[in-house]
């Protein structure tokens, strides 16, 4: 995204949220026909693809810049963060336990071995 490219992708995880609004029509169902059609549209209209790419780059800088994310985590960990309105994908990362978050509640989590567990607590709460 930060490279300023339009993307064609299948609708998995939070990819639709991560991309700029202009790119969302190119997040398609999980089928090779739908994906190839989305790619073809972008290739056939370079000016549209360039505009979408510029929107993706803006969104990446505004939402996913490392310093912005560090500041959000700092506020989250020190308890001063407001309830977030962002959904996060569930990720299994070596040795880390992360959860699927929606608004101010952790609704499910995944441990480092891949097991899942249900939780329903506010972000400021403890297990």
N, C-alpha and C. Protein backbone atom coordinates (compact mmCIF):
# COMPACT_ATOMS: atom_id res chain seq x y z
N UNK A 1 0.82 -1.19 0.00
CA UNK A 1 0.00 0.00 0.00
C UNK A 1 0.86 1.25 0.00
N UNK A 2 1.85 1.28 0.86
CA UNK A 2 2.68 2.48 0.95
C UNK A 2 3.45 2.73 -0.35
N UNK A 3 3.59 1.71 -1.17
CA UNK A 3 4.25 1.85 -2.47
C UNK A 3 3.36 2.54 -3.49
N UNK A 4 2.12 2.82 -3.13
CA UNK A 4 1.23 3.54 -4.02
C UNK A 4 0.66 2.69 -5.15
N UNK A 5 0.34 1.46 -4.84
CA UNK A 5 -0.22 0.55 -5.84
C UNK A 5 -1.66 0.18 -5.49
N UNK A 6 -2.45 -0.01 -6.52
CA UNK A 6 -3.79 -0.56 -6.34
C UNK A 6 -3.64 -2.06 -6.16
N UNK A 7 -4.54 -2.65 -5.39
CA UNK A 7 -4.47 -4.09 -5.13
C UNK A 7 -5.76 -4.77 -5.53
N UNK A 8 -5.61 -5.96 -6.07
CA UNK A 8 -6.74 -6.87 -6.24
C UNK A 8 -6.47 -8.01 -5.27
N UNK A 9 -7.47 -8.34 -4.46
CA UNK A 9 -7.26 -9.35 -3.43
C UNK A 9 -8.57 -10.08 -3.15
N UNK A 10 -8.45 -11.26 -2.55
CA UNK A 10 -9.65 -11.95 -2.11
C UNK A 10 -10.04 -11.43 -0.74
N UNK A 11 -11.31 -11.55 -0.42
CA UNK A 11 -11.87 -10.99 0.81
C UNK A 11 -11.62 -11.93 1.99
N UNK A 12 -10.44 -11.82 2.55
CA UNK A 12 -10.07 -12.61 3.73
C UNK A 12 -9.61 -11.66 4.82
N UNK A 13 -9.78 -12.09 6.06
CA UNK A 13 -9.32 -11.27 7.18
C UNK A 13 -9.87 -9.86 7.13
N UNK A 14 -9.03 -8.91 7.44
CA UNK A 14 -9.42 -7.50 7.45
C UNK A 14 -8.85 -6.73 6.26
N UNK A 15 -8.52 -7.44 5.18
CA UNK A 15 -7.92 -6.78 4.03
C UNK A 15 -8.80 -5.63 3.53
N UNK A 16 -10.11 -5.83 3.53
CA UNK A 16 -11.04 -4.78 3.07
C UNK A 16 -10.88 -3.52 3.92
N UNK A 17 -10.75 -3.67 5.24
CA UNK A 17 -10.57 -2.53 6.13
C UNK A 17 -9.22 -1.85 5.90
N UNK A 18 -8.21 -2.64 5.67
CA UNK A 18 -6.86 -2.10 5.56
C UNK A 18 -6.69 -1.21 4.33
N UNK A 19 -7.37 -1.52 3.27
CA UNK A 19 -7.22 -0.77 2.02
C UNK A 19 -8.06 0.50 2.03
N UNK A 20 -7.67 1.44 1.17
CA UNK A 20 -8.44 2.68 1.00
C UNK A 20 -9.83 2.34 0.45
N UNK A 21 -10.77 3.19 0.75
CA UNK A 21 -12.16 3.01 0.30
C UNK A 21 -12.22 2.79 -1.22
N UNK A 22 -11.41 3.53 -1.96
CA UNK A 22 -11.42 3.43 -3.42
C UNK A 22 -10.98 2.06 -3.92
N UNK A 23 -10.22 1.33 -3.11
CA UNK A 23 -9.72 0.02 -3.52
C UNK A 23 -10.66 -1.12 -3.15
N UNK A 24 -11.62 -0.86 -2.30
CA UNK A 24 -12.48 -1.93 -1.77
C UNK A 24 -13.29 -2.68 -2.82
N UNK A 25 -13.71 -2.06 -3.94
CA UNK A 25 -14.42 -2.85 -4.96
C UNK A 25 -13.55 -3.96 -5.58
N UNK A 26 -12.25 -3.89 -5.39
CA UNK A 26 -11.35 -4.88 -5.96
C UNK A 26 -10.95 -5.96 -4.95
N UNK A 27 -11.62 -5.96 -3.81
CA UNK A 27 -11.52 -7.04 -2.83
C UNK A 27 -12.72 -7.93 -3.12
N UNK A 28 -12.44 -9.10 -3.66
CA UNK A 28 -13.50 -9.93 -4.24
C UNK A 28 -13.63 -11.26 -3.50
N UNK A 29 -14.69 -11.98 -3.83
CA UNK A 29 -14.90 -13.32 -3.26
C UNK A 29 -13.71 -14.21 -3.61
N UNK A 30 -13.59 -15.28 -2.88
CA UNK A 30 -12.46 -16.20 -3.07
C UNK A 30 -12.71 -17.11 -4.28
N UNK A 31 -12.52 -16.55 -5.47
CA UNK A 31 -12.63 -17.34 -6.69
C UNK A 31 -11.63 -16.79 -7.70
N UNK A 32 -11.06 -17.67 -8.47
CA UNK A 32 -10.07 -17.24 -9.46
C UNK A 32 -10.71 -16.35 -10.52
N UNK A 33 -11.96 -16.61 -10.88
CA UNK A 33 -12.64 -15.78 -11.88
C UNK A 33 -12.82 -14.34 -11.37
N UNK A 34 -13.28 -14.19 -10.14
CA UNK A 34 -13.49 -12.86 -9.58
C UNK A 34 -12.17 -12.11 -9.44
N UNK A 35 -11.14 -12.81 -8.98
CA UNK A 35 -9.84 -12.17 -8.81
C UNK A 35 -9.25 -11.76 -10.16
N UNK A 36 -9.34 -12.63 -11.15
CA UNK A 36 -8.78 -12.28 -12.46
C UNK A 36 -9.56 -11.12 -13.09
N UNK A 37 -10.86 -11.04 -12.86
CA UNK A 37 -11.65 -9.92 -13.37
C UNK A 37 -11.21 -8.60 -12.72
N UNK A 38 -10.99 -8.63 -11.40
CA UNK A 38 -10.54 -7.43 -10.69
C UNK A 38 -9.17 -6.98 -11.20
N UNK A 39 -8.27 -7.92 -11.39
CA UNK A 39 -6.94 -7.59 -11.91
C UNK A 39 -7.05 -6.98 -13.30
N UNK A 40 -7.88 -7.57 -14.14
CA UNK A 40 -8.06 -7.07 -15.52
C UNK A 40 -8.57 -5.64 -15.54
N UNK A 41 -9.53 -5.34 -14.68
CA UNK A 41 -10.07 -3.97 -14.63
C UNK A 41 -8.97 -2.98 -14.26
N UNK A 42 -8.15 -3.32 -13.27
CA UNK A 42 -7.07 -2.43 -12.87
C UNK A 42 -6.03 -2.27 -13.97
N UNK A 43 -5.71 -3.35 -14.66
CA UNK A 43 -4.73 -3.27 -15.75
C UNK A 43 -5.26 -2.49 -16.94
N UNK A 44 -6.55 -2.56 -17.19
CA UNK A 44 -7.15 -1.87 -18.33
C UNK A 44 -7.38 -0.37 -18.10
N UNK A 45 -7.27 0.08 -16.86
CA UNK A 45 -7.50 1.49 -16.55
C UNK A 45 -6.37 2.02 -15.66
N UNK A 46 -5.20 2.29 -16.27
CA UNK A 46 -4.03 2.72 -15.49
C UNK A 46 -4.26 4.00 -14.68
N UNK A 47 -5.04 4.94 -15.19
CA UNK A 47 -5.26 6.17 -14.42
C UNK A 47 -6.09 5.89 -13.17
N UNK A 48 -7.07 5.02 -13.28
CA UNK A 48 -7.86 4.63 -12.10
C UNK A 48 -6.98 3.88 -11.11
N UNK A 49 -6.15 2.97 -11.62
CA UNK A 49 -5.25 2.21 -10.74
C UNK A 49 -4.29 3.16 -10.02
N UNK A 50 -3.80 4.18 -10.72
CA UNK A 50 -2.88 5.14 -10.10
C UNK A 50 -3.58 5.95 -9.00
N UNK A 51 -4.82 6.35 -9.25
CA UNK A 51 -5.58 7.09 -8.24
C UNK A 51 -5.84 6.22 -7.01
N UNK A 52 -6.18 4.96 -7.24
CA UNK A 52 -6.40 4.03 -6.13
C UNK A 52 -5.09 3.82 -5.36
N UNK A 53 -4.00 3.67 -6.09
CA UNK A 53 -2.69 3.50 -5.46
C UNK A 53 -2.33 4.69 -4.58
N UNK A 54 -2.60 5.90 -5.06
CA UNK A 54 -2.33 7.09 -4.25
C UNK A 54 -3.18 7.09 -2.99
N UNK A 55 -4.43 6.68 -3.10
CA UNK A 55 -5.31 6.60 -1.92
C UNK A 55 -4.79 5.55 -0.93
N UNK A 56 -4.31 4.41 -1.43
CA UNK A 56 -3.74 3.38 -0.56
C UNK A 56 -2.51 3.91 0.17
N UNK A 57 -1.66 4.64 -0.53
CA UNK A 57 -0.45 5.19 0.10
C UNK A 57 -0.83 6.16 1.21
N UNK A 58 -1.82 7.03 0.95
CA UNK A 58 -2.29 7.96 1.99
C UNK A 58 -2.81 7.19 3.20
N UNK A 59 -3.62 6.18 2.95
CA UNK A 59 -4.19 5.40 4.06
C UNK A 59 -3.09 4.70 4.86
N UNK A 60 -2.11 4.15 4.17
CA UNK A 60 -1.01 3.48 4.86
C UNK A 60 -0.26 4.46 5.76
N UNK A 61 0.00 5.67 5.27
CA UNK A 61 0.71 6.66 6.08
C UNK A 61 -0.14 7.10 7.27
N UNK A 62 -1.45 7.29 7.06
CA UNK A 62 -2.33 7.78 8.11
C UNK A 62 -2.66 6.74 9.17
N UNK A 63 -2.78 5.49 8.75
CA UNK A 63 -3.26 4.45 9.66
C UNK A 63 -2.17 3.51 10.18
N UNK A 64 -1.16 3.26 9.40
CA UNK A 64 -0.23 2.18 9.74
C UNK A 64 1.21 2.64 9.88
N UNK A 65 1.44 3.93 9.96
CA UNK A 65 2.78 4.44 10.19
C UNK A 65 3.30 3.90 11.53
N UNK A 66 4.55 3.52 11.57
CA UNK A 66 5.11 2.90 12.76
C UNK A 66 5.01 3.82 13.99
N UNK A 67 5.30 5.09 13.85
CA UNK A 67 5.25 5.99 15.00
C UNK A 67 3.81 6.19 15.50
N UNK A 68 2.86 6.24 14.58
CA UNK A 68 1.46 6.35 14.98
C UNK A 68 1.03 5.10 15.74
N UNK A 69 1.42 3.92 15.23
CA UNK A 69 1.05 2.68 15.91
C UNK A 69 1.71 2.60 17.29
N UNK A 70 2.99 3.01 17.40
CA UNK A 70 3.66 3.01 18.70
C UNK A 70 2.91 3.91 19.69
N UNK A 71 2.49 5.07 19.23
CA UNK A 71 1.76 6.00 20.11
C UNK A 71 0.44 5.38 20.56
N UNK A 72 -0.28 4.73 19.65
CA UNK A 72 -1.54 4.07 20.03
C UNK A 72 -1.31 2.95 21.04
N UNK A 73 -0.28 2.14 20.82
CA UNK A 73 0.03 1.07 21.78
C UNK A 73 0.44 1.65 23.13
N UNK A 74 1.21 2.73 23.12
CA UNK A 74 1.63 3.35 24.38
C UNK A 74 0.40 3.78 25.17
N UNK A 75 -0.57 4.44 24.50
CA UNK A 75 -1.79 4.87 25.18
C UNK A 75 -2.63 3.67 25.63
N UNK A 76 -2.65 2.62 24.84
CA UNK A 76 -3.39 1.42 25.21
C UNK A 76 -2.80 0.80 26.48
N UNK A 77 -1.47 0.67 26.51
CA UNK A 77 -0.82 0.01 27.64
C UNK A 77 -0.83 0.85 28.90
N UNK A 78 -0.82 2.19 28.77
CA UNK A 78 -0.85 3.01 29.99
C UNK A 78 -2.27 3.32 30.44
N UNK A 79 -3.26 2.81 29.71
CA UNK A 79 -4.65 2.95 30.11
C UNK A 79 -5.33 4.23 29.69
N UNK A 80 -4.66 5.06 28.91
CA UNK A 80 -5.26 6.34 28.52
C UNK A 80 -5.95 6.30 27.17
N UNK A 81 -5.96 5.15 26.51
CA UNK A 81 -6.56 5.06 25.17
C UNK A 81 -8.07 4.98 25.27
N UNK A 82 -8.77 5.69 24.37
CA UNK A 82 -10.23 5.50 24.29
C UNK A 82 -10.51 4.14 23.68
N UNK A 83 -11.72 3.67 23.78
CA UNK A 83 -12.07 2.39 23.17
C UNK A 83 -11.86 2.47 21.67
N UNK A 84 -11.06 1.58 21.12
CA UNK A 84 -10.81 1.63 19.67
C UNK A 84 -12.03 1.17 18.89
N UNK A 85 -12.15 1.65 17.66
CA UNK A 85 -13.24 1.23 16.79
C UNK A 85 -12.71 0.44 15.61
N UNK A 86 -11.51 -0.07 15.74
CA UNK A 86 -10.85 -0.78 14.66
C UNK A 86 -10.92 -2.28 14.94
N UNK A 87 -11.22 -3.06 13.92
CA UNK A 87 -11.16 -4.50 14.03
C UNK A 87 -9.78 -4.96 13.59
N UNK A 88 -9.23 -5.91 14.29
CA UNK A 88 -7.93 -6.45 13.94
C UNK A 88 -8.08 -7.91 13.56
N UNK A 89 -7.25 -8.36 12.66
CA UNK A 89 -7.27 -9.75 12.25
C UNK A 89 -6.67 -10.63 13.34
N UNK A 90 -7.02 -11.88 13.32
CA UNK A 90 -6.42 -12.87 14.20
C UNK A 90 -5.13 -13.33 13.52
N UNK A 91 -4.05 -13.26 14.23
CA UNK A 91 -2.75 -13.66 13.69
C UNK A 91 -2.11 -14.69 14.60
N UNK A 92 -1.48 -15.67 14.05
CA UNK A 92 -0.66 -16.60 14.82
C UNK A 92 0.78 -16.24 14.50
N UNK A 93 1.45 -15.65 15.46
CA UNK A 93 2.83 -15.23 15.31
C UNK A 93 3.64 -16.00 16.33
N UNK A 94 4.79 -16.52 15.93
CA UNK A 94 5.60 -17.37 16.80
C UNK A 94 5.67 -16.83 18.23
N UNK A 95 5.15 -17.61 19.15
CA UNK A 95 5.26 -17.31 20.56
C UNK A 95 4.34 -16.22 21.09
N UNK A 96 3.55 -15.59 20.26
CA UNK A 96 2.70 -14.51 20.73
C UNK A 96 1.25 -14.96 20.81
N UNK A 97 0.53 -14.41 21.72
CA UNK A 97 -0.89 -14.70 21.85
C UNK A 97 -1.63 -13.40 21.54
N UNK A 98 -2.31 -13.38 20.41
CA UNK A 98 -3.04 -12.20 19.98
C UNK A 98 -4.50 -12.55 19.83
N UNK A 99 -5.36 -11.56 19.79
CA UNK A 99 -6.79 -11.83 19.70
C UNK A 99 -7.45 -11.06 18.60
N UNK A 100 -8.64 -11.48 18.27
CA UNK A 100 -9.48 -10.75 17.36
C UNK A 100 -10.17 -9.67 18.19
N UNK A 101 -10.03 -8.42 17.78
CA UNK A 101 -10.59 -7.33 18.55
C UNK A 101 -11.65 -6.62 17.73
N UNK A 102 -12.72 -6.27 18.37
CA UNK A 102 -13.75 -5.48 17.71
C UNK A 102 -14.22 -4.43 18.70
N UNK A 103 -14.12 -3.19 18.30
CA UNK A 103 -14.42 -2.06 19.16
C UNK A 103 -13.63 -2.19 20.45
N UNK A 104 -14.27 -2.24 21.60
CA UNK A 104 -13.52 -2.27 22.85
C UNK A 104 -13.47 -3.65 23.48
N UNK A 105 -13.77 -4.70 22.72
CA UNK A 105 -13.85 -6.02 23.31
C UNK A 105 -12.99 -7.02 22.56
N UNK A 106 -12.28 -7.85 23.32
CA UNK A 106 -11.58 -8.97 22.72
C UNK A 106 -12.60 -10.09 22.66
N UNK A 107 -12.91 -10.58 21.46
CA UNK A 107 -13.97 -11.58 21.36
C UNK A 107 -13.45 -12.98 21.14
N UNK A 108 -12.23 -13.12 20.71
CA UNK A 108 -11.63 -14.44 20.67
C UNK A 108 -10.14 -14.28 20.61
N UNK A 109 -9.43 -15.31 20.97
CA UNK A 109 -7.98 -15.23 20.96
C UNK A 109 -7.37 -16.50 20.44
N UNK A 110 -6.11 -16.42 20.09
CA UNK A 110 -5.40 -17.59 19.60
C UNK A 110 -4.06 -17.66 20.30
N UNK A 111 -3.75 -18.78 20.88
CA UNK A 111 -2.47 -18.97 21.52
C UNK A 111 -1.40 -19.36 20.53
N UNK A 112 -0.18 -19.44 20.99
CA UNK A 112 0.95 -19.70 20.09
C UNK A 112 0.88 -21.07 19.44
N UNK A 113 0.15 -22.01 20.01
CA UNK A 113 0.04 -23.33 19.38
C UNK A 113 -1.15 -23.41 18.42
N UNK A 114 -1.89 -22.30 18.29
CA UNK A 114 -3.01 -22.26 17.36
C UNK A 114 -4.36 -22.53 17.99
N UNK A 115 -4.41 -22.87 19.29
CA UNK A 115 -5.70 -23.12 19.92
C UNK A 115 -6.44 -21.81 20.08
N UNK A 116 -7.75 -21.89 20.05
CA UNK A 116 -8.53 -20.67 20.22
C UNK A 116 -9.30 -20.76 21.52
N UNK A 117 -9.62 -19.61 22.06
CA UNK A 117 -10.42 -19.54 23.28
C UNK A 117 -11.33 -18.34 23.19
N UNK A 118 -12.46 -18.41 23.81
CA UNK A 118 -13.40 -17.30 23.77
C UNK A 118 -13.22 -16.45 25.01
N UNK A 119 -13.16 -15.16 24.81
CA UNK A 119 -13.11 -14.20 25.91
C UNK A 119 -14.04 -13.07 25.55
N UNK A 120 -14.53 -12.40 26.54
CA UNK A 120 -15.35 -11.23 26.32
C UNK A 120 -15.03 -10.24 27.42
N UNK A 121 -14.08 -9.36 27.15
CA UNK A 121 -13.66 -8.42 28.18
C UNK A 121 -13.28 -7.12 27.51
N UNK A 122 -13.30 -6.05 28.26
CA UNK A 122 -12.84 -4.76 27.75
C UNK A 122 -11.34 -4.77 27.59
N UNK A 123 -10.82 -3.86 26.80
CA UNK A 123 -9.39 -3.81 26.55
C UNK A 123 -8.59 -3.51 27.81
N UNK A 124 -9.16 -2.76 28.72
CA UNK A 124 -8.44 -2.41 29.94
C UNK A 124 -8.49 -3.50 30.98
N UNK A 125 -9.28 -4.54 30.77
CA UNK A 125 -9.45 -5.60 31.76
C UNK A 125 -8.30 -6.58 31.76
N UNK A 126 -8.33 -7.47 32.68
CA UNK A 126 -7.32 -8.52 32.78
C UNK A 126 -8.00 -9.86 32.55
N UNK A 127 -7.22 -10.88 32.14
CA UNK A 127 -7.78 -12.23 31.94
C UNK A 127 -8.36 -12.78 33.21
